[in-house]
């Protein structure tokens, strides 16, 4: 037995659920989004503008953009940035071998 009285009610309910999911998706990562002249400036946009494709550099970029504004303080974010940069340098050395 369906909880919906007819197909129209089912379609309306699915549309309502999809709209709700879309709103949730738009809110995800809100703390990374800033709008400038109508363009969302999130880490993805900034990385694309600079042609950044390396995942290690992208990690560093995200930490720099959010430094001290999330669940970690600025000092810990700076330590993480240095650690990520050091690992990237290690990887570059490994690739030369």
PDB file of N, CA and C in Angstrom:
ATOM      1  N   UNK A   1       0.846  -1.183   0.000  1.00  0.00           N
ATOM      2  CA  UNK A   1       0.000   0.000   0.000  1.00  0.00           C
ATOM      3  C   UNK A   1       0.888   1.242   0.000  1.00  0.00           C
ATOM      4  N   UNK A   2       0.684   2.115  -0.938  1.00  0.00           N
ATOM      5  CA  UNK A   2       1.478   3.334  -1.055  1.00  0.00           C
ATOM      6  C   UNK A   2       1.015   4.372  -0.042  1.00  0.00           C
ATOM      7  N   UNK A   3       1.984   5.155   0.435  1.00  0.00           N
ATOM      8  CA  UNK A   3       1.622   6.237   1.352  1.00  0.00           C
ATOM      9  C   UNK A   3       1.108   7.458   0.594  1.00  0.00           C
ATOM     10  N   UNK A   4       1.162   7.395  -0.735  1.00  0.00           N
ATOM     11  CA  UNK A   4       0.704   8.506  -1.564  1.00  0.00           C
ATOM     12  C   UNK A   4      -0.632   8.149  -2.191  1.00  0.00           C
ATOM     13  N   UNK A   5      -1.515   9.133  -2.294  1.00  0.00           N
ATOM     14  CA  UNK A   5      -2.853   8.890  -2.820  1.00  0.00           C
ATOM     15  C   UNK A   5      -2.865   8.735  -4.334  1.00  0.00           C
ATOM     16  N   UNK A   6      -1.934   9.379  -5.020  1.00  0.00           N
ATOM     17  CA  UNK A   6      -1.897   9.270  -6.482  1.00  0.00           C
ATOM     18  C   UNK A   6      -0.510   9.622  -6.996  1.00  0.00           C
ATOM     19  N   UNK A   7      -0.338   9.475  -8.307  1.00  0.00           N
ATOM     20  CA  UNK A   7       0.964   9.742  -8.915  1.00  0.00           C
ATOM     21  C   UNK A   7       1.377  11.206  -8.780  1.00  0.00           C
ATOM     22  N   UNK A   8       0.435  12.115  -8.864  1.00  0.00           N
ATOM     23  CA  UNK A   8       0.757  13.540  -8.739  1.00  0.00           C
ATOM     24  C   UNK A   8       1.348  13.843  -7.364  1.00  0.00           C
ATOM     25  N   UNK A   9       0.786  13.248  -6.360  1.00  0.00           N
ATOM     26  CA  UNK A   9       1.297  13.446  -5.005  1.00  0.00           C
ATOM     27  C   UNK A   9       2.715  12.881  -4.882  1.00  0.00           C
ATOM     28  N   UNK A  10       2.945  11.725  -5.473  1.00  0.00           N
ATOM     29  CA  UNK A  10       4.272  11.111  -5.456  1.00  0.00           C
ATOM     30  C   UNK A  10       5.276  12.002  -6.185  1.00  0.00           C
ATOM     31  N   UNK A  11       4.914  12.486  -7.356  1.00  0.00           N
ATOM     32  CA  UNK A  11       5.806  13.357  -8.132  1.00  0.00           C
ATOM     33  C   UNK A  11       6.112  14.637  -7.348  1.00  0.00           C
ATOM     34  N   UNK A  12       5.102  15.216  -6.728  1.00  0.00           N
ATOM     35  CA  UNK A  12       5.306  16.435  -5.940  1.00  0.00           C
ATOM     36  C   UNK A  12       6.242  16.170  -4.772  1.00  0.00           C
ATOM     37  N   UNK A  13       6.091  15.019  -4.143  1.00  0.00           N
ATOM     38  CA  UNK A  13       6.934  14.675  -2.999  1.00  0.00           C
ATOM     39  C   UNK A  13       8.389  14.458  -3.419  1.00  0.00           C
ATOM     40  N   UNK A  14       8.593  13.785  -4.560  1.00  0.00           N
ATOM     41  CA  UNK A  14       9.944  13.566  -5.078  1.00  0.00           C
ATOM     42  C   UNK A  14      10.579  14.908  -5.433  1.00  0.00           C
ATOM     43  N   UNK A  15       9.824  15.811  -6.076  1.00  0.00           N
ATOM     44  CA  UNK A  15      10.340  17.132  -6.417  1.00  0.00           C
ATOM     45  C   UNK A  15      10.744  17.889  -5.146  1.00  0.00           C
ATOM     46  N   UNK A  16       9.900  17.817  -4.132  1.00  0.00           N
ATOM     47  CA  UNK A  16      10.204  18.486  -2.865  1.00  0.00           C
ATOM     48  C   UNK A  16      11.489  17.932  -2.256  1.00  0.00           C
ATOM     49  N   UNK A  17      11.647  16.620  -2.290  1.00  0.00           N
ATOM     50  CA  UNK A  17      12.857  15.986  -1.755  1.00  0.00           C
ATOM     51  C   UNK A  17      14.081  16.413  -2.556  1.00  0.00           C
ATOM     52  N   UNK A  18      13.972  16.425  -3.897  1.00  0.00           N
ATOM     53  CA  UNK A  18      15.093  16.843  -4.745  1.00  0.00           C
ATOM     54  C   UNK A  18      15.473  18.298  -4.484  1.00  0.00           C
ATOM     55  N   UNK A  19      14.476  19.167  -4.325  1.00  0.00           N
ATOM     56  CA  UNK A  19      14.761  20.571  -4.023  1.00  0.00           C
ATOM     57  C   UNK A  19      15.496  20.699  -2.699  1.00  0.00           C
ATOM     58  N   UNK A  20      15.069  19.931  -1.718  1.00  0.00           N
ATOM     59  CA  UNK A  20      15.720  19.955  -0.406  1.00  0.00           C
ATOM     60  C   UNK A  20      17.171  19.499  -0.516  1.00  0.00           C
ATOM     61  N   UNK A  21      17.423  18.417  -1.267  1.00  0.00           N
ATOM     62  CA  UNK A  21      18.788  17.908  -1.441  1.00  0.00           C
ATOM     63  C   UNK A  21      19.651  18.939  -2.171  1.00  0.00           C
ATOM     64  N   UNK A  22      19.082  19.622  -3.149  1.00  0.00           N
ATOM     65  CA  UNK A  22      19.818  20.636  -3.893  1.00  0.00           C
ATOM     66  C   UNK A  22      20.214  21.787  -2.962  1.00  0.00           C
ATOM     67  N   UNK A  23      19.298  22.199  -2.092  1.00  0.00           N
ATOM     68  CA  UNK A  23      19.611  23.257  -1.127  1.00  0.00           C
ATOM     69  C   UNK A  23      20.728  22.829  -0.189  1.00  0.00           C
ATOM     70  N   UNK A  24      20.677  21.573   0.272  1.00  0.00           N
ATOM     71  CA  UNK A  24      21.741  21.067   1.139  1.00  0.00           C
ATOM     72  C   UNK A  24      23.073  21.073   0.416  1.00  0.00           C
ATOM     73  N   UNK A  25      23.079  20.668  -0.848  1.00  0.00           N
ATOM     74  CA  UNK A  25      24.313  20.626  -1.631  1.00  0.00           C
ATOM     75  C   UNK A  25      24.873  22.031  -1.822  1.00  0.00           C
ATOM     76  N   UNK A  26      23.990  23.011  -2.026  1.00  0.00           N
ATOM     77  CA  UNK A  26      24.446  24.390  -2.196  1.00  0.00           C
ATOM     78  C   UNK A  26      25.061  24.924  -0.911  1.00  0.00           C
ATOM     79  N   UNK A  27      24.606  24.451   0.228  1.00  0.00           N
ATOM     80  CA  UNK A  27      25.124  24.917   1.502  1.00  0.00           C
ATOM     81  C   UNK A  27      26.440  24.233   1.866  1.00  0.00           C
ATOM     82  N   UNK A  28      26.715  23.074   1.290  1.00  0.00           N
ATOM     83  CA  UNK A  28      27.937  22.333   1.615  1.00  0.00           C
ATOM     84  C   UNK A  28      29.158  23.158   1.243  1.00  0.00           C
ATOM     85  N   UNK A  29      30.079  23.280   2.168  1.00  0.00           N
ATOM     86  CA  UNK A  29      31.307  24.020   1.890  1.00  0.00           C
ATOM     87  C   UNK A  29      31.118  25.520   1.820  1.00  0.00           C
ATOM     88  N   UNK A  30      30.040  26.014   2.379  1.00  0.00           N
ATOM     89  CA  UNK A  30      29.736  27.445   2.301  1.00  0.00           C
ATOM     90  C   UNK A  30      30.888  28.299   2.827  1.00  0.00           C
ATOM     91  N   UNK A  31      31.610  27.791   3.810  1.00  0.00           N
ATOM     92  CA  UNK A  31      32.692  28.560   4.415  1.00  0.00           C
ATOM     93  C   UNK A  31      33.847  28.784   3.449  1.00  0.00           C
ATOM     94  N   UNK A  32      33.860  28.086   2.311  1.00  0.00           N
ATOM     95  CA  UNK A  32      34.920  28.296   1.325  1.00  0.00           C
ATOM     96  C   UNK A  32      34.524  29.284   0.241  1.00  0.00           C
ATOM     97  N   UNK A  33      33.266  29.647   0.175  1.00  0.00           N
ATOM     98  CA  UNK A  33      32.792  30.452  -0.945  1.00  0.00           C
ATOM     99  C   UNK A  33      32.713  31.926  -0.628  1.00  0.00           C
ATOM    100  N   UNK A  34      33.349  32.683  -1.478  1.00  0.00           N
ATOM    101  CA  UNK A  34      33.231  34.130  -1.441  1.00  0.00           C
ATOM    102  C   UNK A  34      32.881  34.563  -2.852  1.00  0.00           C
ATOM    103  N   UNK A  35      32.024  35.539  -3.001  1.00  0.00           N
ATOM    104  CA  UNK A  35      31.617  35.984  -4.324  1.00  0.00           C
ATOM    105  C   UNK A  35      32.249  37.333  -4.604  1.00  0.00           C
ATOM    106  N   UNK A  36      32.850  37.432  -5.787  1.00  0.00           N
ATOM    107  CA  UNK A  36      33.458  38.684  -6.228  1.00  0.00           C
ATOM    108  C   UNK A  36      32.998  38.930  -7.651  1.00  0.00           C
ATOM    109  N   UNK A  37      32.296  40.033  -7.862  1.00  0.00           N
ATOM    110  CA  UNK A  37      31.754  40.390  -9.177  1.00  0.00           C
ATOM    111  C   UNK A  37      30.964  39.241  -9.792  1.00  0.00           C
ATOM    112  N   UNK A  38      30.173  38.574  -8.950  1.00  0.00           N
ATOM    113  CA  UNK A  38      29.296  37.516  -9.413  1.00  0.00           C
ATOM    114  C   UNK A  38      29.946  36.157  -9.608  1.00  0.00           C
ATOM    115  N   UNK A  39      31.224  36.026  -9.258  1.00  0.00           N
ATOM    116  CA  UNK A  39      31.935  34.756  -9.425  1.00  0.00           C
ATOM    117  C   UNK A  39      32.265  34.190  -8.049  1.00  0.00           C
ATOM    118  N   UNK A  40      31.941  32.921  -7.839  1.00  0.00           N
ATOM    119  CA  UNK A  40      32.277  32.268  -6.582  1.00  0.00           C
ATOM    120  C   UNK A  40      33.779  32.014  -6.538  1.00  0.00           C
ATOM    121  N   UNK A  41      34.418  32.536  -5.521  1.00  0.00           N
ATOM    122  CA  UNK A  41      35.849  32.335  -5.341  1.00  0.00           C
ATOM    123  C   UNK A  41      36.074  31.288  -4.259  1.00  0.00           C
ATOM    124  N   UNK A  42      35.996  30.047  -4.659  1.00  0.00           N
ATOM    125  CA  UNK A  42      36.301  28.954  -3.742  1.00  0.00           C
ATOM    126  C   UNK A  42      37.643  28.363  -4.148  1.00  0.00           C
ATOM    127  N   UNK A  43      38.196  27.455  -3.356  1.00  0.00           N
ATOM    128  CA  UNK A  43      39.503  26.897  -3.704  1.00  0.00           C
ATOM    129  C   UNK A  43      39.543  26.269  -5.100  1.00  0.00           C
ATOM    130  N   UNK A  44      38.441  25.682  -5.539  1.00  0.00           N
ATOM    131  CA  UNK A  44      38.418  25.063  -6.855  1.00  0.00           C
ATOM    132  C   UNK A  44      38.585  26.103  -7.957  1.00  0.00           C
ATOM    133  N   UNK A  45      37.869  27.235  -7.840  1.00  0.00           N
ATOM    134  CA  UNK A  45      37.961  28.297  -8.845  1.00  0.00           C
ATOM    135  C   UNK A  45      39.372  28.890  -8.861  1.00  0.00           C
ATOM    136  N   UNK A  46      39.903  29.170  -7.694  1.00  0.00           N
ATOM    137  CA  UNK A  46      41.240  29.771  -7.610  1.00  0.00           C
ATOM    138  C   UNK A  46      42.289  28.827  -8.189  1.00  0.00           C
ATOM    139  N   UNK A  47      42.191  27.536  -7.866  1.00  0.00           N
ATOM    140  CA  UNK A  47      43.131  26.560  -8.416  1.00  0.00           C
ATOM    141  C   UNK A  47      43.017  26.503  -9.940  1.00  0.00           C
ATOM    142  N   UNK A  48      41.801  26.552 -10.452  1.00  0.00           N
ATOM    143  CA  UNK A  48      41.602  26.504 -11.900  1.00  0.00           C
ATOM    144  C   UNK A  48      42.182  27.736 -12.583  1.00  0.00           C
ATOM    145  N   UNK A  49      41.978  28.908 -11.986  1.00  0.00           N
ATOM    146  CA  UNK A  49      42.503  30.150 -12.566  1.00  0.00           C
ATOM    147  C   UNK A  49      44.022  30.084 -12.687  1.00  0.00           C
ATOM    148  N   UNK A  50      44.657  29.494 -11.700  1.00  0.00           N
ATOM    149  CA  UNK A  50      46.114  29.399 -11.703  1.00  0.00           C
ATOM    150  C   UNK A  50      46.633  28.124 -12.369  1.00  0.00           C
ATOM    151  N   UNK A  51      45.733  27.301 -12.906  1.00  0.00           N
ATOM    152  CA  UNK A  51      46.146  26.079 -13.571  1.00  0.00           C
ATOM    153  C   UNK A  51      46.746  25.044 -12.636  1.00  0.00           C
ATOM    154  N   UNK A  52      46.335  25.091 -11.401  1.00  0.00           N
ATOM    155  CA  UNK A  52      46.873  24.185 -10.384  1.00  0.00           C
ATOM    156  C   UNK A  52      46.239  22.809 -10.534  1.00  0.00           C
ATOM    157  N   UNK A  53      47.064  21.800 -10.731  1.00  0.00           N
ATOM    158  CA  UNK A  53      46.552  20.437 -10.883  1.00  0.00           C
ATOM    159  C   UNK A  53      47.122  19.478  -9.844  1.00  0.00           C
ATOM    160  N   UNK A  54      48.127  19.891  -9.123  1.00  0.00           N
ATOM    161  CA  UNK A  54      48.783  19.022  -8.151  1.00  0.00           C
ATOM    162  C   UNK A  54      47.958  18.956  -6.864  1.00  0.00           C
ATOM    163  N   UNK A  55      47.579  17.749  -6.433  1.00  0.00           N
ATOM    164  CA  UNK A  55      46.766  17.621  -5.216  1.00  0.00           C
ATOM    165  C   UNK A  55      47.455  18.160  -3.964  1.00  0.00           C
ATOM    166  N   UNK A  56      48.769  18.024  -3.884  1.00  0.00           N
ATOM    167  CA  UNK A  56      49.484  18.529  -2.706  1.00  0.00           C
ATOM    168  C   UNK A  56      49.398  20.051  -2.649  1.00  0.00           C
ATOM    169  N   UNK A  57      49.578  20.690  -3.787  1.00  0.00           N
ATOM    170  CA  UNK A  57      49.485  22.153  -3.808  1.00  0.00           C
ATOM    171  C   UNK A  57      48.059  22.615  -3.524  1.00  0.00           C
ATOM    172  N   UNK A  58      47.091  21.844  -4.009  1.00  0.00           N
ATOM    173  CA  UNK A  58      45.700  22.196  -3.739  1.00  0.00           C
ATOM    174  C   UNK A  58      45.411  22.119  -2.238  1.00  0.00           C
ATOM    175  N   UNK A  59      45.957  21.103  -1.576  1.00  0.00           N
ATOM    176  CA  UNK A  59      45.781  20.983  -0.126  1.00  0.00           C
ATOM    177  C   UNK A  59      46.361  22.196   0.587  1.00  0.00           C
ATOM    178  N   UNK A  60      47.539  22.605   0.163  1.00  0.00           N
ATOM    179  CA  UNK A  60      48.181  23.785   0.762  1.00  0.00           C
ATOM    180  C   UNK A  60      47.328  25.030   0.515  1.00  0.00           C
ATOM    181  N   UNK A  61      46.825  25.182  -0.712  1.00  0.00           N
ATOM    182  CA  UNK A  61      45.983  26.339  -1.045  1.00  0.00           C
ATOM    183  C   UNK A  61      44.769  26.405  -0.132  1.00  0.00           C
ATOM    184  N   UNK A  62      44.091  25.288   0.058  1.00  0.00           N
ATOM    185  CA  UNK A  62      42.911  25.280   0.926  1.00  0.00           C
ATOM    186  C   UNK A  62      43.267  25.698   2.344  1.00  0.00           C
ATOM    187  N   UNK A  63      44.405  25.205   2.849  1.00  0.00           N
ATOM    188  CA  UNK A  63      44.820  25.550   4.205  1.00  0.00           C
ATOM    189  C   UNK A  63      45.170  27.036   4.312  1.00  0.00           C
ATOM    190  N   UNK A  64      45.793  27.572   3.278  1.00  0.00           N
ATOM    191  CA  UNK A  64      46.143  29.000   3.283  1.00  0.00           C
ATOM    192  C   UNK A  64      44.879  29.858   3.267  1.00  0.00           C
ATOM    193  N   UNK A  65      43.935  29.496   2.419  1.00  0.00           N
ATOM    194  CA  UNK A  65      42.706  30.289   2.304  1.00  0.00           C
ATOM    195  C   UNK A  65      41.870  30.279   3.574  1.00  0.00           C
ATOM    196  N   UNK A  66      41.927  29.191   4.325  1.00  0.00           N
ATOM    197  CA  UNK A  66      41.111  29.081   5.529  1.00  0.00           C
ATOM    198  C   UNK A  66      41.916  29.211   6.810  1.00  0.00           C
ATOM    199  N   UNK A  67      43.186  29.562   6.717  1.00  0.00           N
ATOM    200  CA  UNK A  67      44.072  29.604   7.878  1.00  0.00           C
ATOM    201  C   UNK A  67      43.474  30.265   9.104  1.00  0.00           C
ATOM    202  N   UNK A  68      43.350  29.499  10.175  1.00  0.00           N
ATOM    203  CA  UNK A  68      42.868  30.021  11.447  1.00  0.00           C
ATOM    204  C   UNK A  68      41.383  30.273  11.530  1.00  0.00           C
ATOM    205  N   UNK A  69      40.625  29.899  10.509  1.00  0.00           N
ATOM    206  CA  UNK A  69      39.188  30.193  10.508  1.00  0.00           C
ATOM    207  C   UNK A  69      38.313  28.962  10.665  1.00  0.00           C
ATOM    208  N   UNK A  70      38.902  27.816  10.826  1.00  0.00           N
ATOM    209  CA  UNK A  70      38.105  26.592  10.958  1.00  0.00           C
ATOM    210  C   UNK A  70      38.279  26.037  12.366  1.00  0.00           C
ATOM    211  N   UNK A  71      38.298  24.719  12.493  1.00  0.00           N
ATOM    212  CA  UNK A  71      38.392  24.113  13.821  1.00  0.00           C
ATOM    213  C   UNK A  71      39.814  24.150  14.378  1.00  0.00           C
ATOM    214  N   UNK A  72      40.809  24.498  13.544  1.00  0.00           N
ATOM    215  CA  UNK A  72      42.191  24.613  14.023  1.00  0.00           C
ATOM    216  C   UNK A  72      42.556  26.090  14.130  1.00  0.00           C
ATOM    217  N   UNK A  73      43.506  26.379  15.010  1.00  0.00           N
ATOM    218  CA  UNK A  73      43.950  27.764  15.094  1.00  0.00           C
ATOM    219  C   UNK A  73      44.999  28.029  14.005  1.00  0.00           C
ATOM    220  N   UNK A  74      45.361  29.283  13.831  1.00  0.00           N
ATOM    221  CA  UNK A  74      46.282  29.679  12.768  1.00  0.00           C
ATOM    222  C   UNK A  74      47.627  28.986  12.898  1.00  0.00           C
ATOM    223  N   UNK A  75      48.127  28.864  14.119  1.00  0.00           N
ATOM    224  CA  UNK A  75      49.425  28.219  14.317  1.00  0.00           C
ATOM    225  C   UNK A  75      49.401  26.778  13.800  1.00  0.00           C
ATOM    226  N   UNK A  76      48.367  26.033  14.142  1.00  0.00           N
ATOM    227  CA  UNK A  76      48.275  24.645  13.685  1.00  0.00           C
ATOM    228  C   UNK A  76      48.119  24.581  12.166  1.00  0.00           C
ATOM    229  N   UNK A  77      47.354  25.501  11.601  1.00  0.00           N
ATOM    230  CA  UNK A  77      47.225  25.526  10.139  1.00  0.00           C
ATOM    231  C   UNK A  77      48.576  25.801   9.481  1.00  0.00           C
ATOM    232  N   UNK A  78      49.361  26.698  10.042  1.00  0.00           N
ATOM    233  CA  UNK A  78      50.688  26.979   9.485  1.00  0.00           C
ATOM    234  C   UNK A  78      51.605  25.759   9.594  1.00  0.00           C
ATOM    235  N   UNK A  79      51.529  25.054  10.703  1.00  0.00           N
ATOM    236  CA  UNK A  79      52.305  23.819  10.861  1.00  0.00           C
ATOM    237  C   UNK A  79      51.884  22.809   9.784  1.00  0.00           C
ATOM    238  N   UNK A  80      50.576  22.694   9.557  1.00  0.00           N
ATOM    239  CA  UNK A  80      50.073  21.769   8.535  1.00  0.00           C
ATOM    240  C   UNK A  80      50.522  22.187   7.131  1.00  0.00           C
ATOM    241  N   UNK A  81      50.531  23.481   6.859  1.00  0.00           N
ATOM    242  CA  UNK A  81      50.981  23.993   5.555  1.00  0.00           C
ATOM    243  C   UNK A  81      52.445  23.620   5.335  1.00  0.00           C
ATOM    244  N   UNK A  82      53.275  23.847   6.350  1.00  0.00           N
ATOM    245  CA  UNK A  82      54.699  23.511   6.253  1.00  0.00           C
ATOM    246  C   UNK A  82      54.870  22.011   6.049  1.00  0.00           C
ATOM    247  N   UNK A  83      54.128  21.227   6.795  1.00  0.00           N
ATOM    248  CA  UNK A  83      54.208  19.772   6.679  1.00  0.00           C
ATOM    249  C   UNK A  83      53.819  19.318   5.268  1.00  0.00           C
ATOM    250  N   UNK A  84      52.764  19.872   4.734  1.00  0.00           N
ATOM    251  CA  UNK A  84      52.326  19.514   3.385  1.00  0.00           C
ATOM    252  C   UNK A  84      53.369  19.915   2.345  1.00  0.00           C
ATOM    253  N   UNK A  85      53.961  21.093   2.515  1.00  0.00           N
ATOM    254  CA  UNK A  85      54.994  21.560   1.588  1.00  0.00           C
ATOM    255  C   UNK A  85      56.236  20.671   1.667  1.00  0.00           C
ATOM    256  N   UNK A  86      56.615  20.290   2.872  1.00  0.00           N
ATOM    257  CA  UNK A  86      57.766  19.396   3.031  1.00  0.00           C
ATOM    258  C   UNK A  86      57.515  18.051   2.369  1.00  0.00           C
ATOM    259  N   UNK A  87      56.297  17.539   2.508  1.00  0.00           N
ATOM    260  CA  UNK A  87      55.977  16.254   1.873  1.00  0.00           C
ATOM    261  C   UNK A  87      56.030  16.387   0.362  1.00  0.00           C
ATOM    262  N   UNK A  88      55.541  17.502  -0.177  1.00  0.00           N
ATOM    263  CA  UNK A  88      55.598  17.721  -1.629  1.00  0.00           C
ATOM    264  C   UNK A  88      57.052  17.736  -2.099  1.00  0.00           C
ATOM    265  N   UNK A  89      57.918  18.398  -1.346  1.00  0.00           N
ATOM    266  CA  UNK A  89      59.344  18.421  -1.701  1.00  0.00           C
ATOM    267  C   UNK A  89      59.937  17.016  -1.666  1.00  0.00           C
ATOM    268  N   UNK A  90      59.564  16.213  -0.663  1.00  0.00           N
ATOM    269  CA  UNK A  90      60.013  14.825  -0.593  1.00  0.00           C
ATOM    270  C   UNK A  90      59.575  14.052  -1.833  1.00  0.00           C
ATOM    271  N   UNK A  91      58.335  14.242  -2.232  1.00  0.00           N
ATOM    272  CA  UNK A  91      57.815  13.539  -3.399  1.00  0.00           C
ATOM    273  C   UNK A  91      58.583  13.938  -4.661  1.00  0.00           C
ATOM    274  N   UNK A  92      58.933  15.225  -4.761  1.00  0.00           N
ATOM    275  CA  UNK A  92      59.698  15.674  -5.923  1.00  0.00           C
ATOM    276  C   UNK A  92      61.070  15.008  -5.954  1.00  0.00           C
ATOM    277  N   UNK A  93      61.693  14.870  -4.782  1.00  0.00           N
ATOM    278  CA  UNK A  93      62.987  14.193  -4.692  1.00  0.00           C
ATOM    279  C   UNK A  93      62.845  12.718  -5.052  1.00  0.00           C
ATOM    280  N   UNK A  94      61.794  12.081  -4.558  1.00  0.00           N
ATOM    281  CA  UNK A  94      61.541  10.673  -4.868  1.00  0.00           C
ATOM    282  C   UNK A  94      61.380  10.463  -6.368  1.00  0.00           C
ATOM    283  N   UNK A  95      60.721  11.391  -7.022  1.00  0.00           N
ATOM    284  CA  UNK A  95      60.482  11.275  -8.463  1.00  0.00           C
ATOM    285  C   UNK A  95      61.760  11.405  -9.286  1.00  0.00           C
ATOM    286  N   UNK A  96      62.777  12.020  -8.716  1.00  0.00           N
ATOM    287  CA  UNK A  96      64.062  12.172  -9.419  1.00  0.00           C
ATOM    288  C   UNK A  96      64.889  10.890  -9.386  1.00  0.00           C
ATOM    289  N   UNK A  97      64.577  10.000  -8.476  1.00  0.00           N
ATOM    290  CA  UNK A  97      65.370   8.761  -8.331  1.00  0.00           C
ATOM    291  C   UNK A  97      65.039   7.756  -9.405  1.00  0.00           C
TER     292      UNK A  97
END
